[in-house]
Amino acid sequence: MSILYIDDDLEDIEIFNDAVKTVDPGINCISSTSAKEALQLLNNIDKPDHIVLDINMPGMDGKVCLQELRKNPKFDRVNVIVYSTNSFPKDIEQIESLGATFVRKATSFNALCTLIRQLAEGEFVGRRK
């Protein structure tokens, strides 16, 4: 299984990667610090099983990144989880209309591990366009 994690916060990336290693060191977790970089990276890697994406990032935000992903036939059906502290109803509605699932950033390491475990075990399906 592979996960692409996109977040501009280096500390959040480190915590996410630690959680992935805790759940299953065999999971291939690729991280990107910007949406633009992630879209370029996706052209050079195998399609990930899941993309976990923050909303609030400088330059291209997570919503625009999600829109770009959905325009590309290679990624239009990839399971995307928008993982953010931003939970404005308008944003969540837009995210869901693009076939992604909103998940509020975990407040504990154990909660993050639970999310990753659900992804790894296929228990978290989320929305797919």
C-alpha atoms as a PDB file:
ATOM      1  CA  MET A   1       0.000   0.000   0.000  1.00  0.00           C
ATOM      2  CA  SER A   2       1.147   3.542  -0.664  1.00  0.00           C
ATOM      3  CA  ILE A   3       0.097   6.922   0.692  1.00  0.00           C
ATOM      4  CA  LEU A   4       1.007  10.358  -0.596  1.00  0.00           C
ATOM      5  CA  TYR A   5       0.856  12.869   2.265  1.00  0.00           C
ATOM      6  CA  ILE A   6       0.747  16.552   1.265  1.00  0.00           C
ATOM      7  CA  ASP A   7       1.239  19.161   3.987  1.00  0.00           C
ATOM      8  CA  ASP A   8       3.368  22.285   4.263  1.00  0.00           C
ATOM      9  CA  ASP A   9       3.985  21.717   7.994  1.00  0.00           C
ATOM     10  CA  LEU A  10       7.204  19.719   8.412  1.00  0.00           C
ATOM     11  CA  GLU A  11       6.295  18.714  11.964  1.00  0.00           C
ATOM     12  CA  ASP A  12       2.950  17.296  10.790  1.00  0.00           C
ATOM     13  CA  ILE A  13       4.780  15.375   8.041  1.00  0.00           C
ATOM     14  CA  GLU A  14       7.170  13.901  10.604  1.00  0.00           C
ATOM     15  CA  ILE A  15       4.317  12.875  12.908  1.00  0.00           C
ATOM     16  CA  PHE A  16       2.370  11.352  10.002  1.00  0.00           C
ATOM     17  CA  ASN A  17       5.411   9.376   8.854  1.00  0.00           C
ATOM     18  CA  ASP A  18       6.045   8.169  12.420  1.00  0.00           C
ATOM     19  CA  ALA A  19       2.432   7.008  12.649  1.00  0.00           C
ATOM     20  CA  VAL A  20       2.709   5.137   9.346  1.00  0.00           C
ATOM     21  CA  LYS A  21       5.882   3.362  10.570  1.00  0.00           C
ATOM     22  CA  THR A  22       4.142   2.518  13.840  1.00  0.00           C
ATOM     23  CA  VAL A  23       1.135   0.997  12.072  1.00  0.00           C
ATOM     24  CA  ASP A  24       3.040  -0.855   9.342  1.00  0.00           C
ATOM     25  CA  PRO A  25       6.641  -0.201   8.305  1.00  0.00           C
ATOM     26  CA  GLY A  26       5.810  -1.809   4.956  1.00  0.00           C
ATOM     27  CA  ILE A  27       3.521   1.045   3.919  1.00  0.00           C
ATOM     28  CA  ASN A  28       5.174   3.247   1.324  1.00  0.00           C
ATOM     29  CA  CYS A  29       4.598   6.818   2.496  1.00  0.00           C
ATOM     30  CA  ILE A  30       5.704   9.629   0.215  1.00  0.00           C
ATOM     31  CA  SER A  31       5.517  13.187   1.511  1.00  0.00           C
ATOM     32  CA  SER A  32       5.334  16.522  -0.241  1.00  0.00           C
ATOM     33  CA  THR A  33       5.491  19.988   1.296  1.00  0.00           C
ATOM     34  CA  SER A  34       3.384  21.696  -1.364  1.00  0.00           C
ATOM     35  CA  ALA A  35       0.434  20.927  -3.591  1.00  0.00           C
ATOM     36  CA  LYS A  36       2.277  22.062  -6.712  1.00  0.00           C
ATOM     37  CA  GLU A  37       5.239  19.822  -5.888  1.00  0.00           C
ATOM     38  CA  ALA A  38       2.883  16.899  -5.217  1.00  0.00           C
ATOM     39  CA  LEU A  39       1.160  17.258  -8.592  1.00  0.00           C
ATOM     40  CA  GLN A  40       4.565  17.207 -10.305  1.00  0.00           C
ATOM     41  CA  LEU A  41       5.668  14.248  -8.192  1.00  0.00           C
ATOM     42  CA  LEU A  42       2.578  12.262  -9.166  1.00  0.00           C
ATOM     43  CA  ASN A  43       3.761  12.302 -12.776  1.00  0.00           C
ATOM     44  CA  ASN A  44       6.895  10.378 -11.753  1.00  0.00           C
ATOM     45  CA  ILE A  45       5.621   7.777  -9.289  1.00  0.00           C
ATOM     46  CA  ASP A  46       3.161   4.899  -9.318  1.00  0.00           C
ATOM     47  CA  LYS A  47      -0.386   5.917  -8.476  1.00  0.00           C
ATOM     48  CA  PRO A  48      -0.774   5.901  -4.670  1.00  0.00           C
ATOM     49  CA  ASP A  49      -3.624   4.029  -3.026  1.00  0.00           C
ATOM     50  CA  HIS A  50      -4.490   7.055  -0.908  1.00  0.00           C
ATOM     51  CA  ILE A  51      -3.710  10.757  -0.984  1.00  0.00           C
ATOM     52  CA  VAL A  52      -3.922  12.618   2.312  1.00  0.00           C
ATOM     53  CA  LEU A  53      -4.059  16.349   1.728  1.00  0.00           C
ATOM     54  CA  ASP A  54      -4.034  19.458   3.915  1.00  0.00           C
ATOM     55  CA  ILE A  55      -6.221  22.425   2.920  1.00  0.00           C
ATOM     56  CA  ASN A  56      -4.253  25.397   4.205  1.00  0.00           C
ATOM     57  CA  MET A  57      -1.010  25.625   2.265  1.00  0.00           C
ATOM     58  CA  PRO A  58       0.746  28.592   0.690  1.00  0.00           C
ATOM     59  CA  GLY A  59       0.620  28.913  -3.072  1.00  0.00           C
ATOM     60  CA  MET A  60      -1.798  26.253  -4.264  1.00  0.00           C
ATOM     61  CA  ASP A  61      -4.153  25.241  -1.458  1.00  0.00           C
ATOM     62  CA  GLY A  62      -5.551  21.765  -0.922  1.00  0.00           C
ATOM     63  CA  LYS A  63      -8.900  22.492  -2.571  1.00  0.00           C
ATOM     64  CA  VAL A  64      -7.243  23.609  -5.812  1.00  0.00           C
ATOM     65  CA  CYS A  65      -4.932  20.590  -5.657  1.00  0.00           C
ATOM     66  CA  LEU A  66      -7.959  18.321  -5.263  1.00  0.00           C
ATOM     67  CA  GLN A  67      -9.627  19.961  -8.269  1.00  0.00           C
ATOM     68  CA  GLU A  68      -6.476  19.356 -10.325  1.00  0.00           C
ATOM     69  CA  LEU A  69      -6.321  15.723  -9.210  1.00  0.00           C
ATOM     70  CA  ARG A  70      -9.915  15.163 -10.267  1.00  0.00           C
ATOM     71  CA  LYS A  71      -9.213  16.604 -13.735  1.00  0.00           C
ATOM     72  CA  ASN A  72      -6.551  13.952 -14.364  1.00  0.00           C
ATOM     73  CA  PRO A  73      -8.013  10.568 -15.404  1.00  0.00           C
ATOM     74  CA  LYS A  74      -5.061   8.807 -13.743  1.00  0.00           C
ATOM     75  CA  PHE A  75      -6.018  10.195 -10.326  1.00  0.00           C
ATOM     76  CA  ASP A  76      -9.710  11.005 -10.602  1.00  0.00           C
ATOM     77  CA  ARG A  77     -10.685   7.871  -8.656  1.00  0.00           C
ATOM     78  CA  VAL A  78      -7.856   7.766  -6.104  1.00  0.00           C
ATOM     79  CA  ASN A  79      -9.098   7.839  -2.529  1.00  0.00           C
ATOM     80  CA  VAL A  80      -8.383  11.388  -1.307  1.00  0.00           C
ATOM     81  CA  ILE A  81      -8.690  12.368   2.317  1.00  0.00           C
ATOM     82  CA  VAL A  82      -8.568  16.059   3.071  1.00  0.00           C
ATOM     83  CA  TYR A  83      -6.925  16.053   6.482  1.00  0.00           C
ATOM     84  CA  SER A  84      -7.073  19.490   8.055  1.00  0.00           C
ATOM     85  CA  THR A  85      -7.918  21.580  11.079  1.00  0.00           C
ATOM     86  CA  ASN A  86     -10.020  23.787   8.792  1.00  0.00           C
ATOM     87  CA  SER A  87     -13.602  22.591   9.045  1.00  0.00           C
ATOM     88  CA  PHE A  88     -15.718  25.328   7.504  1.00  0.00           C
ATOM     89  CA  PRO A  89     -18.973  23.781   6.239  1.00  0.00           C
ATOM     90  CA  LYS A  90     -18.552  25.453   2.823  1.00  0.00           C
ATOM     91  CA  ASP A  91     -15.092  23.880   2.425  1.00  0.00           C
ATOM     92  CA  ILE A  92     -16.296  20.451   3.514  1.00  0.00           C
ATOM     93  CA  GLU A  93     -19.196  20.641   1.057  1.00  0.00           C
ATOM     94  CA  GLN A  94     -16.830  21.541  -1.784  1.00  0.00           C
ATOM     95  CA  ILE A  95     -14.408  18.751  -0.806  1.00  0.00           C
ATOM     96  CA  GLU A  96     -17.183  16.174  -0.740  1.00  0.00           C
ATOM     97  CA  SER A  97     -18.558  17.389  -4.089  1.00  0.00           C
ATOM     98  CA  LEU A  98     -15.153  16.541  -5.575  1.00  0.00           C
ATOM     99  CA  GLY A  99     -15.369  13.000  -4.229  1.00  0.00           C
ATOM    100  CA  ALA A 100     -12.985  13.381  -1.300  1.00  0.00           C
ATOM    101  CA  THR A 101     -13.550  12.805   2.389  1.00  0.00           C
ATOM    102  CA  PHE A 102     -12.870  15.433   5.043  1.00  0.00           C
ATOM    103  CA  VAL A 103     -11.197  14.246   8.232  1.00  0.00           C
ATOM    104  CA  ARG A 104     -10.284  16.650  11.021  1.00  0.00           C
ATOM    105  CA  LYS A 105      -6.592  16.395  11.923  1.00  0.00           C
ATOM    106  CA  ALA A 106      -6.132  14.002  14.798  1.00  0.00           C
ATOM    107  CA  THR A 107      -5.539  15.478  18.215  1.00  0.00           C
ATOM    108  CA  SER A 108      -3.525  12.474  19.333  1.00  0.00           C
ATOM    109  CA  PHE A 109      -0.935  10.160  17.853  1.00  0.00           C
ATOM    110  CA  ASN A 110      -3.172   7.160  18.609  1.00  0.00           C
ATOM    111  CA  ALA A 111      -6.072   8.694  16.666  1.00  0.00           C
ATOM    112  CA  LEU A 112      -3.772   9.257  13.683  1.00  0.00           C
ATOM    113  CA  CYS A 113      -2.572   5.651  13.907  1.00  0.00           C
ATOM    114  CA  THR A 114      -6.205   4.510  13.903  1.00  0.00           C
ATOM    115  CA  LEU A 115      -6.866   6.431  10.680  1.00  0.00           C
ATOM    116  CA  ILE A 116      -3.780   4.950   9.019  1.00  0.00           C
ATOM    117  CA  ARG A 117      -4.676   1.459  10.220  1.00  0.00           C
ATOM    118  CA  GLN A 118      -8.160   1.871   8.721  1.00  0.00           C
ATOM    119  CA  LEU A 119      -6.603   2.920   5.412  1.00  0.00           C
ATOM    120  CA  ALA A 120      -4.184  -0.013   5.474  1.00  0.00           C
ATOM    121  CA  GLU A 121      -6.885  -2.549   6.292  1.00  0.00           C
ATOM    122  CA  GLY A 122      -9.378  -1.163   3.774  1.00  0.00           C
ATOM    123  CA  GLU A 123     -11.809  -0.181   6.526  1.00  0.00           C
ATOM    124  CA  PHE A 124     -11.725   3.492   5.567  1.00  0.00           C
ATOM    125  CA  VAL A 125     -13.074   3.718   2.069  1.00  0.00           C
ATOM    126  CA  GLY A 126     -14.188   7.335   2.023  1.00  0.00           C
ATOM    127  CA  ARG A 127     -15.702   8.913  -1.048  1.00  0.00           C
ATOM    128  CA  ARG A 128     -14.600   8.286  -4.586  1.00  0.00           C
ATOM    129  CA  LYS A 129     -15.815  10.381  -7.450  1.00  0.00           C
END
